[in-house]
Amino acid sequence: MTTETLILMHLMVHSSQKPGQIAEAVGRSLTTVRSSLVAMVATGDVWHDAEARYSAAEPVGDADSQFVILCEQATKLQERNLWYRAARVWLEAHDATSRPGLRQKAIICRARCISRGNFLAPKPEPDFPEKRRRRQ
């Protein structure tokens, strides 16, 4: 199992854990756990409070089958570098669930897709006519 999977499984059972506690529980180094937690927070799988205690996002239930389907579609679009299309699917996933944790994950993933799309395909600067100097 990957470190991220181990961390997520641990946090689903034991929420509100500090990185040192997580590292000890999953059998990985503190450095590895910290770097994995940063990536997991960026994707919305894990949350942390002001005291750096980490908790898992809400588990997906049976009622959220549409959310799961849309997440898979968005992930496939991201793998193909179709960032704006993936952002649109994340918005649909956001609307498909009523769970706050899953909605927040969709918001974070959508923002990341838009940012990545803007980075790879920036919009051109508007053309302004050059100022003409008057000859005196």
C-alpha atoms as a PDB file:
ATOM      1  CA  MET A   1       0.000   0.000   0.000  1.00  0.00           C
ATOM      2  CA  THR A   2       1.092   3.538  -0.643  1.00  0.00           C
ATOM      3  CA  THR A   3       1.821   5.932   2.191  1.00  0.00           C
ATOM      4  CA  GLU A   4      -1.219   8.021   1.247  1.00  0.00           C
ATOM      5  CA  THR A   5      -3.502   4.982   1.458  1.00  0.00           C
ATOM      6  CA  LEU A   6      -2.107   3.991   4.848  1.00  0.00           C
ATOM      7  CA  ILE A   7      -2.550   7.529   6.169  1.00  0.00           C
ATOM      8  CA  LEU A   8      -6.108   7.776   4.869  1.00  0.00           C
ATOM      9  CA  MET A   9      -7.105   4.420   6.341  1.00  0.00           C
ATOM     10  CA  HIS A  10      -5.594   5.395   9.702  1.00  0.00           C
ATOM     11  CA  LEU A  11      -7.296   8.789   9.766  1.00  0.00           C
ATOM     12  CA  MET A  12     -10.683   7.307   8.919  1.00  0.00           C
ATOM     13  CA  VAL A  13     -10.481   5.341  12.169  1.00  0.00           C
ATOM     14  CA  HIS A  14      -8.465   7.785  14.305  1.00  0.00           C
ATOM     15  CA  SER A  15      -9.205  11.396  13.416  1.00  0.00           C
ATOM     16  CA  SER A  16      -7.507  14.507  14.780  1.00  0.00           C
ATOM     17  CA  GLN A  17      -3.958  13.133  14.775  1.00  0.00           C
ATOM     18  CA  LYS A  18      -0.623  14.976  14.647  1.00  0.00           C
ATOM     19  CA  PRO A  19       1.956  13.971  12.006  1.00  0.00           C
ATOM     20  CA  GLY A  20       4.159  12.224  14.581  1.00  0.00           C
ATOM     21  CA  GLN A  21       1.267  10.078  15.753  1.00  0.00           C
ATOM     22  CA  ILE A  22       0.359   9.209  12.167  1.00  0.00           C
ATOM     23  CA  ALA A  23       3.972   8.302  11.295  1.00  0.00           C
ATOM     24  CA  GLU A  24       4.197   5.991  14.285  1.00  0.00           C
ATOM     25  CA  ALA A  25       0.874   4.333  13.487  1.00  0.00           C
ATOM     26  CA  VAL A  26       1.547   3.693   9.781  1.00  0.00           C
ATOM     27  CA  GLY A  27       5.227   2.783  10.163  1.00  0.00           C
ATOM     28  CA  ARG A  28       6.675   5.497   7.941  1.00  0.00           C
ATOM     29  CA  SER A  29       9.183   8.256   8.680  1.00  0.00           C
ATOM     30  CA  LEU A  30       7.943  11.627   9.878  1.00  0.00           C
ATOM     31  CA  THR A  31       9.382  13.331   6.779  1.00  0.00           C
ATOM     32  CA  THR A  32       7.537  10.957   4.460  1.00  0.00           C
ATOM     33  CA  VAL A  33       4.267  11.412   6.335  1.00  0.00           C
ATOM     34  CA  ARG A  34       4.565  15.209   6.335  1.00  0.00           C
ATOM     35  CA  SER A  35       5.211  15.374   2.578  1.00  0.00           C
ATOM     36  CA  SER A  36       2.313  12.986   1.939  1.00  0.00           C
ATOM     37  CA  LEU A  37       0.009  15.053   4.156  1.00  0.00           C
ATOM     38  CA  VAL A  38       0.826  18.207   2.196  1.00  0.00           C
ATOM     39  CA  ALA A  39      -0.167  16.487  -1.049  1.00  0.00           C
ATOM     40  CA  MET A  40      -3.291  15.010   0.525  1.00  0.00           C
ATOM     41  CA  VAL A  41      -4.406  18.394   1.876  1.00  0.00           C
ATOM     42  CA  ALA A  42      -3.947  19.888  -1.592  1.00  0.00           C
ATOM     43  CA  THR A  43      -6.293  17.289  -3.097  1.00  0.00           C
ATOM     44  CA  GLY A  44      -8.848  17.581  -0.320  1.00  0.00           C
ATOM     45  CA  ASP A  45      -8.484  14.038   1.029  1.00  0.00           C
ATOM     46  CA  VAL A  46      -7.269  15.253   4.416  1.00  0.00           C
ATOM     47  CA  TRP A  47      -7.981  18.366   6.503  1.00  0.00           C
ATOM     48  CA  HIS A  48      -6.030  19.979   9.321  1.00  0.00           C
ATOM     49  CA  ASP A  49      -6.987  22.395  12.050  1.00  0.00           C
ATOM     50  CA  ALA A  50      -5.062  25.312  13.568  1.00  0.00           C
ATOM     51  CA  GLU A  51      -3.144  22.936  15.858  1.00  0.00           C
ATOM     52  CA  ALA A  52      -1.906  20.803  12.925  1.00  0.00           C
ATOM     53  CA  ARG A  53      -4.172  17.881  13.775  1.00  0.00           C
ATOM     54  CA  TYR A  54      -5.169  15.987  10.645  1.00  0.00           C
ATOM     55  CA  SER A  55      -8.480  14.283   9.899  1.00  0.00           C
ATOM     56  CA  ALA A  56      -9.819  12.410   6.882  1.00  0.00           C
ATOM     57  CA  ALA A  57     -12.442  13.934   4.634  1.00  0.00           C
ATOM     58  CA  GLU A  58     -15.859  12.403   4.889  1.00  0.00           C
ATOM     59  CA  PRO A  59     -16.075   8.835   3.652  1.00  0.00           C
ATOM     60  CA  VAL A  60     -18.085   8.320   0.499  1.00  0.00           C
ATOM     61  CA  GLY A  61     -21.402   6.581   1.141  1.00  0.00           C
ATOM     62  CA  ASP A  62     -23.826   4.643  -1.041  1.00  0.00           C
ATOM     63  CA  ALA A  63     -25.869   7.781  -1.712  1.00  0.00           C
ATOM     64  CA  ASP A  64     -22.840   9.461  -3.275  1.00  0.00           C
ATOM     65  CA  SER A  65     -22.442   7.069  -6.210  1.00  0.00           C
ATOM     66  CA  GLN A  66     -22.875   9.927  -8.694  1.00  0.00           C
ATOM     67  CA  PHE A  67     -20.096  11.844  -6.905  1.00  0.00           C
ATOM     68  CA  VAL A  68     -17.756   8.850  -7.259  1.00  0.00           C
ATOM     69  CA  ILE A  69     -18.532   8.480 -10.961  1.00  0.00           C
ATOM     70  CA  LEU A  70     -17.884  12.170 -11.592  1.00  0.00           C
ATOM     71  CA  CYS A  71     -14.629  12.068  -9.603  1.00  0.00           C
ATOM     72  CA  GLU A  72     -13.390   9.216 -11.777  1.00  0.00           C
ATOM     73  CA  GLN A  73     -14.336  11.143 -14.937  1.00  0.00           C
ATOM     74  CA  ALA A  74     -12.530  14.246 -13.700  1.00  0.00           C
ATOM     75  CA  THR A  75      -9.425  12.244 -12.815  1.00  0.00           C
ATOM     76  CA  LYS A  76      -9.324  10.683 -16.282  1.00  0.00           C
ATOM     77  CA  LEU A  77      -9.606  14.136 -17.863  1.00  0.00           C
ATOM     78  CA  GLN A  78      -6.765  15.397 -15.665  1.00  0.00           C
ATOM     79  CA  GLU A  79      -4.576  12.494 -16.780  1.00  0.00           C
ATOM     80  CA  ARG A  80      -5.188  13.614 -20.385  1.00  0.00           C
ATOM     81  CA  ASN A  81      -4.316  17.256 -19.459  1.00  0.00           C
ATOM     82  CA  LEU A  82      -7.870  18.439 -20.198  1.00  0.00           C
ATOM     83  CA  TRP A  83      -7.855  20.767 -17.201  1.00  0.00           C
ATOM     84  CA  TYR A  84     -10.828  23.008 -18.021  1.00  0.00           C
ATOM     85  CA  ARG A  85     -13.069  20.039 -18.823  1.00  0.00           C
ATOM     86  CA  ALA A  86     -11.998  18.391 -15.563  1.00  0.00           C
ATOM     87  CA  ALA A  87     -12.844  21.606 -13.693  1.00  0.00           C
ATOM     88  CA  ARG A  88     -16.355  21.507 -15.160  1.00  0.00           C
ATOM     89  CA  VAL A  89     -16.782  17.879 -14.037  1.00  0.00           C
ATOM     90  CA  TRP A  90     -15.561  18.769 -10.523  1.00  0.00           C
ATOM     91  CA  LEU A  91     -18.281  21.424 -10.411  1.00  0.00           C
ATOM     92  CA  GLU A  92     -20.852  18.784 -11.337  1.00  0.00           C
ATOM     93  CA  ALA A  93     -19.438  16.520  -8.606  1.00  0.00           C
ATOM     94  CA  HIS A  94     -19.785  19.383  -6.126  1.00  0.00           C
ATOM     95  CA  ASP A  95     -23.446  19.720  -7.018  1.00  0.00           C
ATOM     96  CA  ALA A  96     -24.022  15.939  -6.871  1.00  0.00           C
ATOM     97  CA  THR A  97     -23.383  15.601  -3.126  1.00  0.00           C
ATOM     98  CA  SER A  98     -24.631  17.318  -0.007  1.00  0.00           C
ATOM     99  CA  ARG A  99     -21.735  16.297   2.260  1.00  0.00           C
ATOM    100  CA  PRO A 100     -19.628  19.312   3.247  1.00  0.00           C
ATOM    101  CA  GLY A 101     -16.302  17.442   3.189  1.00  0.00           C
ATOM    102  CA  LEU A 102     -16.853  16.045  -0.288  1.00  0.00           C
ATOM    103  CA  ARG A 103     -18.102  19.389  -1.559  1.00  0.00           C
ATOM    104  CA  GLN A 104     -14.941  21.039  -0.227  1.00  0.00           C
ATOM    105  CA  LYS A 105     -12.799  18.403  -1.945  1.00  0.00           C
ATOM    106  CA  ALA A 106     -14.543  19.159  -5.247  1.00  0.00           C
ATOM    107  CA  ILE A 107     -13.947  22.901  -4.767  1.00  0.00           C
ATOM    108  CA  ILE A 108     -10.234  22.375  -4.111  1.00  0.00           C
ATOM    109  CA  CYS A 109      -9.796  20.022  -7.060  1.00  0.00           C
ATOM    110  CA  ARG A 110     -11.695  22.374  -9.380  1.00  0.00           C
ATOM    111  CA  ALA A 111      -9.538  25.340  -8.340  1.00  0.00           C
ATOM    112  CA  ARG A 112      -6.385  23.272  -8.928  1.00  0.00           C
ATOM    113  CA  CYS A 113      -7.608  22.305 -12.419  1.00  0.00           C
ATOM    114  CA  ILE A 114      -8.368  25.900 -13.348  1.00  0.00           C
ATOM    115  CA  SER A 115      -4.993  27.041 -12.041  1.00  0.00           C
ATOM    116  CA  ARG A 116      -3.187  24.299 -13.948  1.00  0.00           C
ATOM    117  CA  GLY A 117      -5.142  25.086 -17.118  1.00  0.00           C
ATOM    118  CA  ASN A 118      -4.291  28.777 -16.847  1.00  0.00           C
ATOM    119  CA  PHE A 119      -0.629  27.929 -16.332  1.00  0.00           C
ATOM    120  CA  LEU A 120      -0.423  25.655 -19.369  1.00  0.00           C
ATOM    121  CA  ALA A 121      -2.572  27.742 -21.693  1.00  0.00           C
ATOM    122  CA  PRO A 122      -2.446  31.360 -20.545  1.00  0.00           C
ATOM    123  CA  LYS A 123      -4.869  33.759 -22.136  1.00  0.00           C
ATOM    124  CA  PRO A 124      -3.245  36.279 -24.455  1.00  0.00           C
ATOM    125  CA  GLU A 125      -2.769  39.827 -23.308  1.00  0.00           C
ATOM    126  CA  PRO A 126      -5.158  42.294 -24.911  1.00  0.00           C
ATOM    127  CA  ASP A 127      -3.729  44.328 -27.743  1.00  0.00           C
ATOM    128  CA  PHE A 128      -3.601  48.016 -27.026  1.00  0.00           C
ATOM    129  CA  PRO A 129      -2.799  50.475 -29.776  1.00  0.00           C
ATOM    130  CA  GLU A 130       0.590  51.954 -29.283  1.00  0.00           C
ATOM    131  CA  LYS A 131       0.616  55.500 -28.162  1.00  0.00           C
ATOM    132  CA  ARG A 132       1.544  57.704 -31.010  1.00  0.00           C
ATOM    133  CA  ARG A 133       3.847  60.519 -30.268  1.00  0.00           C
ATOM    134  CA  ARG A 134       2.994  63.865 -31.684  1.00  0.00           C
ATOM    135  CA  ARG A 135       5.701  65.487 -33.653  1.00  0.00           C
ATOM    136  CA  GLN A 136       6.275  68.982 -32.614  1.00  0.00           C
END
